């Protein structure tokens, strides 16, 4: 069973009509679709502040509580 606090997803599965309006809620930075971090958590990542927002069944979880640290270059978690 998956840990619901760190669900896997795919940033590219977000509806393009919705995707065009999304920005990082923490810093208003542009989000990248190709973000992954630790344990294969995929989603929308902000290169400006290094947070990744998981996407579950095409729905982005855009809350700071669900965000995980991301390296910002798509290579993995930032520290």
PDB file of N, CA and C in Angstrom:
ATOM      1  N   UNK A   1       0.841  -1.189   0.000  1.00  0.00           N
ATOM      2  CA  UNK A   1       0.000   0.000   0.000  1.00  0.00           C
ATOM      3  C   UNK A   1       0.884   1.249   0.000  1.00  0.00           C
ATOM      4  N   UNK A   2       0.485   2.249  -0.761  1.00  0.00           N
ATOM      5  CA  UNK A   2       1.252   3.487  -0.868  1.00  0.00           C
ATOM      6  C   UNK A   2       1.016   4.390   0.323  1.00  0.00           C
ATOM      7  N   UNK A   3       2.035   5.146   0.666  1.00  0.00           N
ATOM      8  CA  UNK A   3       1.916   6.169   1.701  1.00  0.00           C
ATOM      9  C   UNK A   3       1.137   7.339   1.104  1.00  0.00           C
ATOM     10  N   UNK A   4      -0.065   7.653   1.605  1.00  0.00           N
ATOM     11  CA  UNK A   4      -0.875   8.723   0.999  1.00  0.00           C
ATOM     12  C   UNK A   4      -0.259  10.108   1.127  1.00  0.00           C
ATOM     13  N   UNK A   5       0.704  10.273   2.011  1.00  0.00           N
ATOM     14  CA  UNK A   5       1.338  11.583   2.142  1.00  0.00           C
ATOM     15  C   UNK A   5       2.382  11.813   1.059  1.00  0.00           C
ATOM     16  N   UNK A   6       2.789  10.759   0.326  1.00  0.00           N
ATOM     17  CA  UNK A   6       3.766  10.898  -0.751  1.00  0.00           C
ATOM     18  C   UNK A   6       3.350  10.054  -1.943  1.00  0.00           C
ATOM     19  N   UNK A   7       2.219  10.412  -2.566  1.00  0.00           N
ATOM     20  CA  UNK A   7       1.712   9.595  -3.670  1.00  0.00           C
ATOM     21  C   UNK A   7       2.498   9.805  -4.958  1.00  0.00           C
ATOM     22  N   UNK A   8       2.638   8.750  -5.746  1.00  0.00           N
ATOM     23  CA  UNK A   8       3.259   8.918  -7.057  1.00  0.00           C
ATOM     24  C   UNK A   8       2.262   9.546  -8.024  1.00  0.00           C
ATOM     25  N   UNK A   9       2.753  10.165  -9.065  1.00  0.00           N
ATOM     26  CA  UNK A   9       1.888  10.750 -10.073  1.00  0.00           C
ATOM     27  C   UNK A   9       2.694  11.108 -11.301  1.00  0.00           C
ATOM     28  N   UNK A  10       2.111  11.823 -12.204  1.00  0.00           N
ATOM     29  CA  UNK A  10       2.795  12.256 -13.427  1.00  0.00           C
ATOM     30  C   UNK A  10       2.363  13.681 -13.723  1.00  0.00           C
ATOM     31  N   UNK A  11       3.322  14.607 -13.733  1.00  0.00           N
ATOM     32  CA  UNK A  11       3.017  15.995 -14.031  1.00  0.00           C
ATOM     33  C   UNK A  11       2.392  16.168 -15.400  1.00  0.00           C
ATOM     34  N   UNK A  12       2.802  15.325 -16.347  1.00  0.00           N
ATOM     35  CA  UNK A  12       2.291  15.456 -17.706  1.00  0.00           C
ATOM     36  C   UNK A  12       0.838  15.013 -17.827  1.00  0.00           C
ATOM     37  N   UNK A  13       0.265  14.390 -16.791  1.00  0.00           N
ATOM     38  CA  UNK A  13      -1.122  13.956 -16.844  1.00  0.00           C
ATOM     39  C   UNK A  13      -2.097  15.065 -16.470  1.00  0.00           C
ATOM     40  N   UNK A  14      -1.606  16.208 -16.059  1.00  0.00           N
ATOM     41  CA  UNK A  14      -2.484  17.322 -15.702  1.00  0.00           C
ATOM     42  C   UNK A  14      -3.111  17.870 -16.979  1.00  0.00           C
ATOM     43  N   UNK A  15      -4.406  18.108 -16.942  1.00  0.00           N
ATOM     44  CA  UNK A  15      -5.124  18.650 -18.096  1.00  0.00           C
ATOM     45  C   UNK A  15      -4.434  19.922 -18.569  1.00  0.00           C
ATOM     46  N   UNK A  16      -4.069  20.005 -19.855  1.00  0.00           N
ATOM     47  CA  UNK A  16      -3.377  21.190 -20.372  1.00  0.00           C
ATOM     48  C   UNK A  16      -4.142  22.496 -20.150  1.00  0.00           C
ATOM     49  N   UNK A  17      -5.478  22.440 -20.157  1.00  0.00           N
ATOM     50  CA  UNK A  17      -6.268  23.651 -19.923  1.00  0.00           C
ATOM     51  C   UNK A  17      -6.063  24.162 -18.499  1.00  0.00           C
ATOM     52  N   UNK A  18      -5.908  23.256 -17.545  1.00  0.00           N
ATOM     53  CA  UNK A  18      -5.632  23.630 -16.166  1.00  0.00           C
ATOM     54  C   UNK A  18      -4.158  23.980 -15.995  1.00  0.00           C
ATOM     55  N   UNK A  19      -3.297  23.195 -16.577  1.00  0.00           N
ATOM     56  CA  UNK A  19      -1.845  23.328 -16.412  1.00  0.00           C
ATOM     57  C   UNK A  19      -1.340  24.734 -16.738  1.00  0.00           C
ATOM     58  N   UNK A  20      -1.897  25.346 -17.750  1.00  0.00           N
ATOM     59  CA  UNK A  20      -1.411  26.667 -18.178  1.00  0.00           C
ATOM     60  C   UNK A  20      -1.591  27.743 -17.109  1.00  0.00           C
ATOM     61  N   UNK A  21      -2.489  27.509 -16.153  1.00  0.00           N
ATOM     62  CA  UNK A  21      -2.768  28.507 -15.116  1.00  0.00           C
ATOM     63  C   UNK A  21      -2.037  28.255 -13.803  1.00  0.00           C
ATOM     64  N   UNK A  22      -1.384  27.117 -13.679  1.00  0.00           N
ATOM     65  CA  UNK A  22      -0.764  26.756 -12.404  1.00  0.00           C
ATOM     66  C   UNK A  22       0.607  27.399 -12.217  1.00  0.00           C
ATOM     67  N   UNK A  23       0.833  27.925 -11.026  1.00  0.00           N
ATOM     68  CA  UNK A  23       2.145  28.426 -10.614  1.00  0.00           C
ATOM     69  C   UNK A  23       2.407  27.885  -9.206  1.00  0.00           C
ATOM     70  N   UNK A  24       3.625  27.969  -8.764  1.00  0.00           N
ATOM     71  CA  UNK A  24       3.978  27.515  -7.430  1.00  0.00           C
ATOM     72  C   UNK A  24       3.243  28.352  -6.390  1.00  0.00           C
ATOM     73  N   UNK A  25       2.496  27.716  -5.477  1.00  0.00           N
ATOM     74  CA  UNK A  25       1.792  28.488  -4.459  1.00  0.00           C
ATOM     75  C   UNK A  25       2.728  29.117  -3.424  1.00  0.00           C
ATOM     76  N   UNK A  26       3.940  28.607  -3.311  1.00  0.00           N
ATOM     77  CA  UNK A  26       4.878  29.143  -2.321  1.00  0.00           C
ATOM     78  C   UNK A  26       5.573  30.415  -2.812  1.00  0.00           C
ATOM     79  N   UNK A  27       5.964  30.441  -4.108  1.00  0.00           N
ATOM     80  CA  UNK A  27       6.745  31.588  -4.590  1.00  0.00           C
ATOM     81  C   UNK A  27       6.234  32.178  -5.902  1.00  0.00           C
ATOM     82  N   UNK A  28       5.175  31.597  -6.454  1.00  0.00           N
ATOM     83  CA  UNK A  28       4.589  32.038  -7.733  1.00  0.00           C
ATOM     84  C   UNK A  28       5.498  31.746  -8.930  1.00  0.00           C
ATOM     85  N   UNK A  29       6.482  30.866  -8.738  1.00  0.00           N
ATOM     86  CA  UNK A  29       7.397  30.498  -9.819  1.00  0.00           C
ATOM     87  C   UNK A  29       6.751  29.560 -10.831  1.00  0.00           C
ATOM     88  N   UNK A  30       7.394  29.449 -11.993  1.00  0.00           N
ATOM     89  CA  UNK A  30       6.926  28.561 -13.059  1.00  0.00           C
ATOM     90  C   UNK A  30       7.164  27.110 -12.650  1.00  0.00           C
ATOM     91  N   UNK A  31       6.227  26.239 -13.002  1.00  0.00           N
ATOM     92  CA  UNK A  31       6.330  24.823 -12.657  1.00  0.00           C
ATOM     93  C   UNK A  31       6.788  23.996 -13.849  1.00  0.00           C
ATOM     94  N   UNK A  32       7.617  22.995 -13.565  1.00  0.00           N
ATOM     95  CA  UNK A  32       8.127  22.085 -14.582  1.00  0.00           C
ATOM     96  C   UNK A  32       7.352  20.781 -14.530  1.00  0.00           C
ATOM     97  N   UNK A  33       7.015  20.229 -15.693  1.00  0.00           N
ATOM     98  CA  UNK A  33       6.260  18.974 -15.766  1.00  0.00           C
ATOM     99  C   UNK A  33       7.124  17.736 -15.543  1.00  0.00           C
ATOM    100  N   UNK A  34       8.433  17.860 -15.651  1.00  0.00           N
ATOM    101  CA  UNK A  34       9.299  16.679 -15.635  1.00  0.00           C
ATOM    102  C   UNK A  34       9.983  16.440 -14.287  1.00  0.00           C
ATOM    103  N   UNK A  35       9.365  16.877 -13.211  1.00  0.00           N
ATOM    104  CA  UNK A  35       9.967  16.781 -11.888  1.00  0.00           C
ATOM    105  C   UNK A  35       9.760  15.408 -11.255  1.00  0.00           C
ATOM    106  N   UNK A  36      10.830  14.896 -10.641  1.00  0.00           N
ATOM    107  CA  UNK A  36      10.753  13.674  -9.834  1.00  0.00           C
ATOM    108  C   UNK A  36      11.603  13.884  -8.593  1.00  0.00           C
ATOM    109  N   UNK A  37      11.231  13.253  -7.503  1.00  0.00           N
ATOM    110  CA  UNK A  37      12.002  13.350  -6.263  1.00  0.00           C
ATOM    111  C   UNK A  37      11.900  12.047  -5.509  1.00  0.00           C
ATOM    112  N   UNK A  38      13.010  11.640  -4.884  1.00  0.00           N
ATOM    113  CA  UNK A  38      13.038  10.440  -4.053  1.00  0.00           C
ATOM    114  C   UNK A  38      11.949   9.441  -4.376  1.00  0.00           C
ATOM    115  N   UNK A  39      11.907   8.303  -3.892  1.00  0.00           N
ATOM    116  CA  UNK A  39      10.828   7.315  -3.980  1.00  0.00           C
ATOM    117  C   UNK A  39       9.913   7.456  -5.196  1.00  0.00           C
ATOM    118  N   UNK A  40      10.415   7.939  -6.303  1.00  0.00           N
ATOM    119  CA  UNK A  40       9.663   8.046  -7.559  1.00  0.00           C
ATOM    120  C   UNK A  40       8.407   8.900  -7.449  1.00  0.00           C
ATOM    121  N   UNK A  41       8.448   9.954  -6.652  1.00  0.00           N
ATOM    122  CA  UNK A  41       7.330  10.893  -6.592  1.00  0.00           C
ATOM    123  C   UNK A  41       7.480  11.826  -7.782  1.00  0.00           C
ATOM    124  N   UNK A  42       6.506  11.817  -8.661  1.00  0.00           N
ATOM    125  CA  UNK A  42       6.508  12.669  -9.845  1.00  0.00           C
ATOM    126  C   UNK A  42       5.460  13.746  -9.672  1.00  0.00           C
ATOM    127  N   UNK A  43       5.673  14.863 -10.341  1.00  0.00           N
ATOM    128  CA  UNK A  43       4.676  15.914 -10.262  1.00  0.00           C
ATOM    129  C   UNK A  43       5.137  17.178 -10.921  1.00  0.00           C
ATOM    130  N   UNK A  44       4.675  18.295 -10.413  1.00  0.00           N
ATOM    131  CA  UNK A  44       5.013  19.614 -10.926  1.00  0.00           C
ATOM    132  C   UNK A  44       6.033  20.236  -9.981  1.00  0.00           C
ATOM    133  N   UNK A  45       7.196  20.551 -10.492  1.00  0.00           N
ATOM    134  CA  UNK A  45       8.266  21.078  -9.656  1.00  0.00           C
ATOM    135  C   UNK A  45       8.579  22.525  -9.950  1.00  0.00           C
ATOM    136  N   UNK A  46       8.897  23.275  -8.916  1.00  0.00           N
ATOM    137  CA  UNK A  46       9.277  24.673  -9.054  1.00  0.00           C
ATOM    138  C   UNK A  46      10.793  24.792  -8.998  1.00  0.00           C
ATOM    139  N   UNK A  47      11.398  25.270 -10.064  1.00  0.00           N
ATOM    140  CA  UNK A  47      12.852  25.444 -10.108  1.00  0.00           C
ATOM    141  C   UNK A  47      13.300  26.609  -9.228  1.00  0.00           C
ATOM    142  N   UNK A  48      12.421  27.556  -8.972  1.00  0.00           N
ATOM    143  CA  UNK A  48      12.782  28.738  -8.186  1.00  0.00           C
ATOM    144  C   UNK A  48      12.961  28.415  -6.701  1.00  0.00           C
ATOM    145  N   UNK A  49      12.018  27.668  -6.111  1.00  0.00           N
ATOM    146  CA  UNK A  49      12.113  27.402  -4.673  1.00  0.00           C
ATOM    147  C   UNK A  49      12.404  25.943  -4.347  1.00  0.00           C
ATOM    148  N   UNK A  50      12.410  25.067  -5.354  1.00  0.00           N
ATOM    149  CA  UNK A  50      12.788  23.678  -5.127  1.00  0.00           C
ATOM    150  C   UNK A  50      11.720  22.791  -4.522  1.00  0.00           C
ATOM    151  N   UNK A  51      10.442  23.166  -4.652  1.00  0.00           N
ATOM    152  CA  UNK A  51       9.369  22.312  -4.150  1.00  0.00           C
ATOM    153  C   UNK A  51       8.717  21.557  -5.302  1.00  0.00           C
ATOM    154  N   UNK A  52       8.300  20.332  -5.010  1.00  0.00           N
ATOM    155  CA  UNK A  52       7.607  19.499  -5.980  1.00  0.00           C
ATOM    156  C   UNK A  52       6.220  19.190  -5.434  1.00  0.00           C
ATOM    157  N   UNK A  53       5.218  19.386  -6.278  1.00  0.00           N
ATOM    158  CA  UNK A  53       3.832  19.128  -5.908  1.00  0.00           C
ATOM    159  C   UNK A  53       3.380  17.860  -6.624  1.00  0.00           C
ATOM    160  N   UNK A  54       3.058  16.784  -5.862  1.00  0.00           N
ATOM    161  CA  UNK A  54       2.654  15.530  -6.491  1.00  0.00           C
ATOM    162  C   UNK A  54       1.381  15.682  -7.316  1.00  0.00           C
ATOM    163  N   UNK A  55       1.260  14.821  -8.327  1.00  0.00           N
ATOM    164  CA  UNK A  55       0.050  14.767  -9.141  1.00  0.00           C
ATOM    165  C   UNK A  55      -0.523  13.362  -8.993  1.00  0.00           C
ATOM    166  N   UNK A  56      -1.780  13.277  -8.585  1.00  0.00           N
ATOM    167  CA  UNK A  56      -2.447  11.998  -8.359  1.00  0.00           C
ATOM    168  C   UNK A  56      -3.658  11.906  -9.276  1.00  0.00           C
ATOM    169  N   UNK A  57      -3.660  10.910 -10.139  1.00  0.00           N
ATOM    170  CA  UNK A  57      -4.764  10.720 -11.089  1.00  0.00           C
ATOM    171  C   UNK A  57      -5.078  12.003 -11.855  1.00  0.00           C
ATOM    172  N   UNK A  58      -4.042  12.719 -12.265  1.00  0.00           N
ATOM    173  CA  UNK A  58      -4.221  13.933 -13.050  1.00  0.00           C
ATOM    174  C   UNK A  58      -4.532  15.176 -12.246  1.00  0.00           C
ATOM    175  N   UNK A  59      -4.618  15.036 -10.916  1.00  0.00           N
ATOM    176  CA  UNK A  59      -4.953  16.174 -10.058  1.00  0.00           C
ATOM    177  C   UNK A  59      -3.714  16.611  -9.272  1.00  0.00           C
ATOM    178  N   UNK A  60      -3.240  17.837  -9.496  1.00  0.00           N
ATOM    179  CA  UNK A  60      -2.072  18.305  -8.740  1.00  0.00           C
ATOM    180  C   UNK A  60      -2.438  18.624  -7.292  1.00  0.00           C
ATOM    181  N   UNK A  61      -1.619  18.159  -6.365  1.00  0.00           N
ATOM    182  CA  UNK A  61      -1.794  18.449  -4.940  1.00  0.00           C
ATOM    183  C   UNK A  61      -0.957  19.675  -4.635  1.00  0.00           C
ATOM    184  N   UNK A  62      -1.568  20.839  -4.704  1.00  0.00           N
ATOM    185  CA  UNK A  62      -0.846  22.116  -4.653  1.00  0.00           C
ATOM    186  C   UNK A  62      -0.876  22.759  -3.274  1.00  0.00           C
ATOM    187  N   UNK A  63      -0.648  21.981  -2.231  1.00  0.00           N
ATOM    188  CA  UNK A  63      -0.585  22.532  -0.883  1.00  0.00           C
ATOM    189  C   UNK A  63       0.821  22.353  -0.334  1.00  0.00           C
ATOM    190  N   UNK A  64       1.295  23.288   0.462  1.00  0.00           N
ATOM    191  CA  UNK A  64       2.637  23.162   1.042  1.00  0.00           C
ATOM    192  C   UNK A  64       2.814  21.881   1.857  1.00  0.00           C
ATOM    193  N   UNK A  65       1.750  21.390   2.471  1.00  0.00           N
ATOM    194  CA  UNK A  65       1.834  20.169   3.264  1.00  0.00           C
ATOM    195  C   UNK A  65       2.128  18.939   2.402  1.00  0.00           C
ATOM    196  N   UNK A  66       1.722  18.959   1.155  1.00  0.00           N
ATOM    197  CA  UNK A  66       1.948  17.833   0.250  1.00  0.00           C
ATOM    198  C   UNK A  66       3.231  17.970  -0.563  1.00  0.00           C
ATOM    199  N   UNK A  67       3.828  19.142  -0.567  1.00  0.00           N
ATOM    200  CA  UNK A  67       5.049  19.383  -1.346  1.00  0.00           C
ATOM    201  C   UNK A  67       6.231  18.638  -0.739  1.00  0.00           C
ATOM    202  N   UNK A  68       7.160  18.239  -1.610  1.00  0.00           N
ATOM    203  CA  UNK A  68       8.410  17.622  -1.179  1.00  0.00           C
ATOM    204  C   UNK A  68       9.565  18.416  -1.772  1.00  0.00           C
ATOM    205  N   UNK A  69      10.737  18.334  -1.155  1.00  0.00           N
ATOM    206  CA  UNK A  69      11.925  19.008  -1.684  1.00  0.00           C
ATOM    207  C   UNK A  69      12.357  18.364  -2.985  1.00  0.00           C
ATOM    208  N   UNK A  70      12.789  19.190  -3.911  1.00  0.00           N
ATOM    209  CA  UNK A  70      13.199  18.744  -5.243  1.00  0.00           C
ATOM    210  C   UNK A  70      14.446  19.519  -5.631  1.00  0.00           C
ATOM    211  N   UNK A  71      15.331  18.885  -6.371  1.00  0.00           N
ATOM    212  CA  UNK A  71      16.586  19.524  -6.752  1.00  0.00           C
ATOM    213  C   UNK A  71      16.441  20.694  -7.699  1.00  0.00           C
ATOM    214  N   UNK A  72      15.326  20.796  -8.412  1.00  0.00           N
ATOM    215  CA  UNK A  72      15.104  21.912  -9.313  1.00  0.00           C
ATOM    216  C   UNK A  72      15.602  21.689 -10.718  1.00  0.00           C
ATOM    217  N   UNK A  73      16.422  20.646 -10.910  1.00  0.00           N
ATOM    218  CA  UNK A  73      16.900  20.361 -12.261  1.00  0.00           C
ATOM    219  C   UNK A  73      16.302  19.067 -12.789  1.00  0.00           C
ATOM    220  N   UNK A  74      15.357  18.509 -12.067  1.00  0.00           N
ATOM    221  CA  UNK A  74      14.697  17.286 -12.488  1.00  0.00           C
ATOM    222  C   UNK A  74      15.466  16.029 -12.115  1.00  0.00           C
ATOM    223  N   UNK A  75      16.598  16.184 -11.437  1.00  0.00           N
ATOM    224  CA  UNK A  75      17.443  15.020 -11.158  1.00  0.00           C
ATOM    225  C   UNK A  75      17.157  14.357  -9.829  1.00  0.00           C
ATOM    226  N   UNK A  76      16.476  15.032  -8.926  1.00  0.00           N
ATOM    227  CA  UNK A  76      16.201  14.383  -7.644  1.00  0.00           C
ATOM    228  C   UNK A  76      16.009  15.368  -6.539  1.00  0.00           C
ATOM    229  N   UNK A  77      15.939  14.874  -5.315  1.00  0.00           N
ATOM    230  CA  UNK A  77      15.646  15.752  -4.176  1.00  0.00           C
ATOM    231  C   UNK A  77      16.730  16.780  -3.906  1.00  0.00           C
ATOM    232  N   UNK A  78      16.321  17.956  -3.518  1.00  0.00           N
ATOM    233  CA  UNK A  78      17.270  19.000  -3.137  1.00  0.00           C
ATOM    234  C   UNK A  78      17.551  18.939  -1.651  1.00  0.00           C
ATOM    235  N   UNK A  79      18.664  19.392  -1.247  1.00  0.00           N
ATOM    236  CA  UNK A  79      19.042  19.389   0.171  1.00  0.00           C
ATOM    237  C   UNK A  79      19.545  20.754   0.573  1.00  0.00           C
TER     238      UNK A  79
END
